[in-house]
N, C-alpha and C. Protein backbone atom coordinates (compact mmCIF):
# COMPACT_ATOMS: atom_id res chain seq x y z
N UNK A 1 16.58 -18.81 -16.66
CA UNK A 1 15.47 -18.10 -17.29
C UNK A 1 14.37 -17.82 -16.28
N UNK A 2 14.00 -18.81 -15.49
CA UNK A 2 12.93 -18.64 -14.51
C UNK A 2 13.28 -17.57 -13.48
N UNK A 3 14.53 -17.55 -13.04
CA UNK A 3 14.95 -16.58 -12.04
C UNK A 3 14.87 -15.17 -12.59
N UNK A 4 15.23 -14.97 -13.85
CA UNK A 4 15.18 -13.63 -14.42
C UNK A 4 13.75 -13.16 -14.58
N UNK A 5 12.83 -14.06 -14.91
CA UNK A 5 11.42 -13.69 -15.00
C UNK A 5 10.89 -13.31 -13.63
N UNK A 6 11.25 -14.09 -12.60
CA UNK A 6 10.80 -13.80 -11.24
C UNK A 6 11.31 -12.43 -10.79
N UNK A 7 12.59 -12.13 -11.05
CA UNK A 7 13.14 -10.83 -10.67
C UNK A 7 12.45 -9.70 -11.41
N UNK A 8 12.12 -9.91 -12.67
CA UNK A 8 11.42 -8.89 -13.44
C UNK A 8 10.04 -8.62 -12.85
N UNK A 9 9.31 -9.69 -12.48
CA UNK A 9 7.99 -9.54 -11.87
C UNK A 9 8.11 -8.82 -10.53
N UNK A 10 9.09 -9.18 -9.73
CA UNK A 10 9.28 -8.53 -8.43
C UNK A 10 9.61 -7.05 -8.61
N UNK A 11 10.41 -6.69 -9.61
CA UNK A 11 10.73 -5.30 -9.85
C UNK A 11 9.50 -4.51 -10.25
N UNK A 12 8.62 -5.10 -11.04
CA UNK A 12 7.38 -4.43 -11.41
C UNK A 12 6.54 -4.19 -10.17
N UNK A 13 6.42 -5.20 -9.31
CA UNK A 13 5.60 -5.05 -8.11
C UNK A 13 6.17 -3.98 -7.18
N UNK A 14 7.49 -3.87 -7.11
CA UNK A 14 8.09 -2.87 -6.24
C UNK A 14 7.80 -1.45 -6.70
N UNK A 15 7.53 -1.27 -7.99
CA UNK A 15 7.31 0.06 -8.53
C UNK A 15 5.85 0.49 -8.49
N UNK A 16 4.94 -0.40 -8.12
CA UNK A 16 3.52 -0.06 -8.11
C UNK A 16 3.18 0.83 -6.92
N UNK A 17 2.23 1.72 -7.13
CA UNK A 17 1.78 2.63 -6.09
C UNK A 17 0.32 2.33 -5.75
N UNK A 18 -0.02 2.58 -4.50
CA UNK A 18 -1.40 2.47 -4.03
C UNK A 18 -1.86 3.86 -3.65
N UNK A 19 -3.07 4.21 -4.07
CA UNK A 19 -3.64 5.50 -3.68
C UNK A 19 -4.44 5.27 -2.40
N UNK A 20 -3.96 5.82 -1.30
CA UNK A 20 -4.62 5.65 0.00
C UNK A 20 -5.47 6.88 0.28
N UNK A 21 -6.71 6.65 0.68
CA UNK A 21 -7.62 7.75 1.01
C UNK A 21 -8.09 7.60 2.45
N UNK A 22 -8.23 8.75 3.10
CA UNK A 22 -8.77 8.77 4.46
C UNK A 22 -9.90 9.79 4.49
N UNK A 23 -11.04 9.35 4.95
CA UNK A 23 -12.21 10.22 5.06
C UNK A 23 -12.60 10.27 6.53
N UNK A 24 -12.72 11.49 7.05
CA UNK A 24 -13.13 11.68 8.44
C UNK A 24 -14.40 12.51 8.45
N UNK A 25 -15.45 11.97 9.07
CA UNK A 25 -16.71 12.70 9.18
C UNK A 25 -16.83 13.17 10.63
N UNK A 26 -16.89 14.48 10.79
CA UNK A 26 -16.98 15.08 12.12
C UNK A 26 -18.42 15.01 12.63
N UNK A 27 -18.58 15.20 13.93
CA UNK A 27 -19.91 15.18 14.53
C UNK A 27 -20.81 16.26 13.97
N UNK A 28 -20.23 17.38 13.54
CA UNK A 28 -21.03 18.48 12.98
C UNK A 28 -21.34 18.28 11.50
N UNK A 29 -20.95 17.12 10.91
CA UNK A 29 -21.25 16.82 9.53
C UNK A 29 -20.15 17.22 8.55
N UNK A 30 -19.14 17.90 9.04
CA UNK A 30 -18.04 18.32 8.19
C UNK A 30 -17.22 17.09 7.77
N UNK A 31 -16.82 17.06 6.51
CA UNK A 31 -16.04 15.92 5.99
C UNK A 31 -14.64 16.40 5.63
N UNK A 32 -13.65 15.68 6.12
CA UNK A 32 -12.26 15.98 5.79
C UNK A 32 -11.70 14.78 5.03
N UNK A 33 -11.08 15.06 3.89
CA UNK A 33 -10.55 13.99 3.05
C UNK A 33 -9.07 14.24 2.80
N UNK A 34 -8.27 13.18 2.90
CA UNK A 34 -6.86 13.27 2.55
C UNK A 34 -6.52 12.09 1.65
N UNK A 35 -5.52 12.29 0.81
CA UNK A 35 -5.14 11.27 -0.15
C UNK A 35 -3.63 11.31 -0.36
N UNK A 36 -3.01 10.13 -0.46
CA UNK A 36 -1.59 10.08 -0.77
C UNK A 36 -1.28 8.77 -1.47
N UNK A 37 -0.18 8.75 -2.21
CA UNK A 37 0.27 7.54 -2.87
C UNK A 37 1.36 6.90 -2.05
N UNK A 38 1.24 5.59 -1.84
CA UNK A 38 2.25 4.86 -1.09
C UNK A 38 2.76 3.71 -1.95
N UNK A 39 3.95 3.24 -1.65
CA UNK A 39 4.55 2.14 -2.38
C UNK A 39 3.84 0.84 -2.01
N UNK A 40 3.34 0.13 -3.00
CA UNK A 40 2.56 -1.09 -2.76
C UNK A 40 3.39 -2.17 -2.10
N UNK A 41 4.62 -2.35 -2.55
CA UNK A 41 5.47 -3.41 -2.02
C UNK A 41 5.76 -3.19 -0.53
N UNK A 42 6.14 -1.97 -0.17
CA UNK A 42 6.43 -1.67 1.24
C UNK A 42 5.18 -1.81 2.10
N UNK A 43 4.04 -1.39 1.58
CA UNK A 43 2.79 -1.50 2.33
C UNK A 43 2.46 -2.96 2.63
N UNK A 44 2.62 -3.83 1.62
CA UNK A 44 2.32 -5.25 1.83
C UNK A 44 3.30 -5.88 2.82
N UNK A 45 4.55 -5.45 2.80
CA UNK A 45 5.50 -5.95 3.79
C UNK A 45 5.07 -5.55 5.20
N UNK A 46 4.63 -4.30 5.38
CA UNK A 46 4.18 -3.84 6.69
C UNK A 46 2.96 -4.63 7.16
N UNK A 47 2.01 -4.85 6.27
CA UNK A 47 0.78 -5.59 6.62
C UNK A 47 1.13 -7.01 7.02
N UNK A 48 2.00 -7.66 6.25
CA UNK A 48 2.39 -9.03 6.57
C UNK A 48 3.13 -9.10 7.89
N UNK A 49 3.96 -8.11 8.20
CA UNK A 49 4.66 -8.07 9.48
C UNK A 49 3.68 -7.92 10.64
N UNK A 50 2.65 -7.08 10.45
CA UNK A 50 1.63 -6.91 11.50
C UNK A 50 0.86 -8.21 11.73
N UNK A 51 0.54 -8.92 10.65
CA UNK A 51 -0.18 -10.18 10.77
C UNK A 51 0.64 -11.22 11.51
N UNK A 52 1.94 -11.25 11.26
CA UNK A 52 2.80 -12.25 11.91
C UNK A 52 3.01 -11.96 13.40
N UNK A 53 2.81 -10.71 13.81
CA UNK A 53 2.96 -10.35 15.24
C UNK A 53 1.77 -10.78 16.05
N UNK A 54 0.60 -10.93 15.42
CA UNK A 54 -0.63 -11.31 16.17
C UNK A 54 -0.62 -12.72 16.64
């Protein structure tokens, strides 16, 4: 029972999306904005891998 609950929670986490925004302010005051959705689970794996390399 516990394993099936854990797998269900992990599947929910794998399906979550993060909305990533990037704002760039140029020297002339112009603002450029970009936005995209990324997979939350993959993003956290990448962040944890970067932390372990330091």
